[in-house]
Amino acid sequence: MVETIQEPKKVKAIKEHICCFCGGEIKKGERYEYGVFKYDEIYAWKNHIHCGILVSWLDMEDRCDEGVSEQSFHESIEEEYRHLFDGPWIPIREMCEKIYYKDFCK
């Protein structure tokens, strides 16, 4: 079971990071979510704000007993992308942005 050490909060990046969900770059100056958790050992989790919104919107937490991993996130995003779009396969980061902007920024 995952234990929360520090509740996720939105912060501004003072350097570049990698999103733990999509693996894409979090750019310096970009706002992102940061939390600290424990699962066997303590670790920091950083993600794009839109990736966190997609986790909630696609009910990923309800389907993952141990928390949403990078792998389960990718599987859910790929499934949603296939459902919404016809066209070429694109990197997961781009899938996230395309799904997010299609459904949340109409």
C-alpha atoms as a PDB file:
ATOM      1  CA  MET A   1       0.000   0.000   0.000  1.00  0.00           C
ATOM      2  CA  VAL A   2       1.252   3.476  -0.898  1.00  0.00           C
ATOM      3  CA  GLU A   3       1.616   5.850   2.037  1.00  0.00           C
ATOM      4  CA  THR A   4       1.488   9.623   1.529  1.00  0.00           C
ATOM      5  CA  ILE A   5       4.363  11.427   3.248  1.00  0.00           C
ATOM      6  CA  GLN A   6       3.705  14.861   1.707  1.00  0.00           C
ATOM      7  CA  GLU A   7       0.388  15.610   0.009  1.00  0.00           C
ATOM      8  CA  PRO A   8       0.765  16.584  -3.649  1.00  0.00           C
ATOM      9  CA  LYS A   9       0.842  20.313  -4.271  1.00  0.00           C
ATOM     10  CA  LYS A  10       1.287  22.517  -7.300  1.00  0.00           C
ATOM     11  CA  VAL A  11       4.741  24.082  -7.550  1.00  0.00           C
ATOM     12  CA  LYS A  12       6.739  25.980 -10.171  1.00  0.00           C
ATOM     13  CA  ALA A  13       9.750  24.159 -11.634  1.00  0.00           C
ATOM     14  CA  ILE A  14      13.064  25.861 -10.922  1.00  0.00           C
ATOM     15  CA  LYS A  15      14.783  23.299 -13.144  1.00  0.00           C
ATOM     16  CA  GLU A  16      13.699  20.668 -15.643  1.00  0.00           C
ATOM     17  CA  HIS A  17      12.078  17.460 -14.384  1.00  0.00           C
ATOM     18  CA  ILE A  18      10.512  14.343 -15.910  1.00  0.00           C
ATOM     19  CA  CYS A  19       6.805  13.589 -15.442  1.00  0.00           C
ATOM     20  CA  CYS A  20       6.382  10.295 -13.580  1.00  0.00           C
ATOM     21  CA  PHE A  21       3.180   9.585 -15.544  1.00  0.00           C
ATOM     22  CA  CYS A  22       3.938  10.358 -19.200  1.00  0.00           C
ATOM     23  CA  GLY A  23       7.743  10.546 -19.074  1.00  0.00           C
ATOM     24  CA  GLY A  24       7.670  13.935 -20.794  1.00  0.00           C
ATOM     25  CA  GLU A  25       9.699  16.942 -19.805  1.00  0.00           C
ATOM     26  CA  ILE A  26       8.440  19.368 -17.176  1.00  0.00           C
ATOM     27  CA  LYS A  27      10.070  22.593 -18.307  1.00  0.00           C
ATOM     28  CA  LYS A  28      11.729  25.177 -16.076  1.00  0.00           C
ATOM     29  CA  GLY A  29       9.060  27.704 -15.075  1.00  0.00           C
ATOM     30  CA  GLU A  30       6.160  25.275 -15.697  1.00  0.00           C
ATOM     31  CA  ARG A  31       3.733  24.503 -12.872  1.00  0.00           C
ATOM     32  CA  TYR A  32       3.513  20.826 -11.928  1.00  0.00           C
ATOM     33  CA  GLU A  33       2.375  18.593  -9.055  1.00  0.00           C
ATOM     34  CA  TYR A  34       4.893  17.379  -6.489  1.00  0.00           C
ATOM     35  CA  GLY A  35       4.301  14.869  -3.689  1.00  0.00           C
ATOM     36  CA  VAL A  36       6.315  12.477  -1.531  1.00  0.00           C
ATOM     37  CA  PHE A  37       5.199   8.880  -0.988  1.00  0.00           C
ATOM     38  CA  LYS A  38       6.380   5.611   0.512  1.00  0.00           C
ATOM     39  CA  TYR A  39       6.075   2.184  -1.090  1.00  0.00           C
ATOM     40  CA  ASP A  40       8.899   0.036   0.249  1.00  0.00           C
ATOM     41  CA  GLU A  41      11.021   3.211   0.193  1.00  0.00           C
ATOM     42  CA  ILE A  42      10.378   6.973   0.124  1.00  0.00           C
ATOM     43  CA  TYR A  43      10.234   8.661  -3.278  1.00  0.00           C
ATOM     44  CA  ALA A  44       9.244  11.994  -4.835  1.00  0.00           C
ATOM     45  CA  TRP A  45       6.522  11.982  -7.492  1.00  0.00           C
ATOM     46  CA  LYS A  46       6.326  14.773 -10.074  1.00  0.00           C
ATOM     47  CA  ASN A  47       3.730  15.081 -12.806  1.00  0.00           C
ATOM     48  CA  HIS A  48       2.279  17.533 -15.293  1.00  0.00           C
ATOM     49  CA  ILE A  49      -0.904  19.094 -13.993  1.00  0.00           C
ATOM     50  CA  HIS A  50      -2.815  17.905 -17.087  1.00  0.00           C
ATOM     51  CA  CYS A  51      -1.554  14.322 -16.539  1.00  0.00           C
ATOM     52  CA  GLY A  52      -2.958  14.434 -12.986  1.00  0.00           C
ATOM     53  CA  ILE A  53      -6.277  15.682 -14.333  1.00  0.00           C
ATOM     54  CA  LEU A  54      -6.358  12.813 -16.852  1.00  0.00           C
ATOM     55  CA  VAL A  55      -5.801  10.303 -14.013  1.00  0.00           C
ATOM     56  CA  SER A  56      -8.930  11.627 -12.299  1.00  0.00           C
ATOM     57  CA  TRP A  57     -10.989  12.066 -15.459  1.00  0.00           C
ATOM     58  CA  LEU A  58     -10.279   8.519 -16.687  1.00  0.00           C
ATOM     59  CA  ASP A  59     -10.876   7.023 -13.186  1.00  0.00           C
ATOM     60  CA  MET A  60      -7.442   5.393 -13.212  1.00  0.00           C
ATOM     61  CA  GLU A  61      -7.191   5.307  -9.413  1.00  0.00           C
ATOM     62  CA  ASP A  62     -10.320   3.132  -9.178  1.00  0.00           C
ATOM     63  CA  ARG A  63      -8.672   0.512 -11.402  1.00  0.00           C
ATOM     64  CA  CYS A  64      -5.259   0.467  -9.670  1.00  0.00           C
ATOM     65  CA  ASP A  65      -5.125  -0.966  -6.149  1.00  0.00           C
ATOM     66  CA  GLU A  66      -1.445  -0.051  -5.682  1.00  0.00           C
ATOM     67  CA  GLY A  67      -1.753   3.453  -7.135  1.00  0.00           C
ATOM     68  CA  VAL A  68      -1.381   4.616 -10.722  1.00  0.00           C
ATOM     69  CA  SER A  69       2.012   3.604 -12.102  1.00  0.00           C
ATOM     70  CA  GLU A  70       3.679   4.916 -15.231  1.00  0.00           C
ATOM     71  CA  GLN A  71       2.765   1.647 -16.983  1.00  0.00           C
ATOM     72  CA  SER A  72      -0.917   1.706 -15.992  1.00  0.00           C
ATOM     73  CA  PHE A  73      -1.079   5.404 -16.945  1.00  0.00           C
ATOM     74  CA  HIS A  74       0.361   4.648 -20.406  1.00  0.00           C
ATOM     75  CA  GLU A  75      -2.096   1.775 -20.942  1.00  0.00           C
ATOM     76  CA  SER A  76      -5.094   3.954 -20.004  1.00  0.00           C
ATOM     77  CA  ILE A  77      -3.942   6.865 -22.182  1.00  0.00           C
ATOM     78  CA  GLU A  78      -3.294   4.602 -25.175  1.00  0.00           C
ATOM     79  CA  GLU A  79      -6.757   3.048 -24.788  1.00  0.00           C
ATOM     80  CA  GLU A  80      -8.422   6.478 -24.576  1.00  0.00           C
ATOM     81  CA  TYR A  81      -6.395   7.764 -27.541  1.00  0.00           C
ATOM     82  CA  ARG A  82      -7.484   4.805 -29.714  1.00  0.00           C
ATOM     83  CA  HIS A  83     -11.086   5.464 -28.656  1.00  0.00           C
ATOM     84  CA  LEU A  84     -10.990   9.185 -29.526  1.00  0.00           C
ATOM     85  CA  PHE A  85      -8.699   9.506 -32.528  1.00  0.00           C
ATOM     86  CA  ASP A  86      -7.987   7.928 -35.886  1.00  0.00           C
ATOM     87  CA  GLY A  87      -4.537   8.627 -37.116  1.00  0.00           C
ATOM     88  CA  PRO A  88      -0.893   7.886 -36.581  1.00  0.00           C
ATOM     89  CA  TRP A  89       0.490   6.668 -33.278  1.00  0.00           C
ATOM     90  CA  ILE A  90       2.280   9.487 -31.454  1.00  0.00           C
ATOM     91  CA  PRO A  91       4.421   9.699 -28.297  1.00  0.00           C
ATOM     92  CA  ILE A  92       2.534   9.321 -24.991  1.00  0.00           C
ATOM     93  CA  ARG A  93       3.196  12.959 -23.985  1.00  0.00           C
ATOM     94  CA  GLU A  94       1.494  14.140 -27.174  1.00  0.00           C
ATOM     95  CA  MET A  95      -1.399  11.710 -26.620  1.00  0.00           C
ATOM     96  CA  CYS A  96      -1.949  13.221 -23.155  1.00  0.00           C
ATOM     97  CA  GLU A  97      -1.989  16.759 -24.490  1.00  0.00           C
ATOM     98  CA  LYS A  98      -4.295  15.850 -27.369  1.00  0.00           C
ATOM     99  CA  ILE A  99      -6.784  14.082 -25.062  1.00  0.00           C
ATOM    100  CA  TYR A 100      -6.596  16.868 -22.470  1.00  0.00           C
ATOM    101  CA  TYR A 101      -7.139  19.702 -24.935  1.00  0.00           C
ATOM    102  CA  LYS A 102      -9.898  17.828 -26.798  1.00  0.00           C
ATOM    103  CA  ASP A 103     -11.922  17.140 -23.665  1.00  0.00           C
ATOM    104  CA  PHE A 104     -11.086  20.008 -21.316  1.00  0.00           C
ATOM    105  CA  CYS A 105     -10.352  22.982 -23.516  1.00  0.00           C
ATOM    106  CA  LYS A 106     -13.199  22.983 -26.020  1.00  0.00           C
END
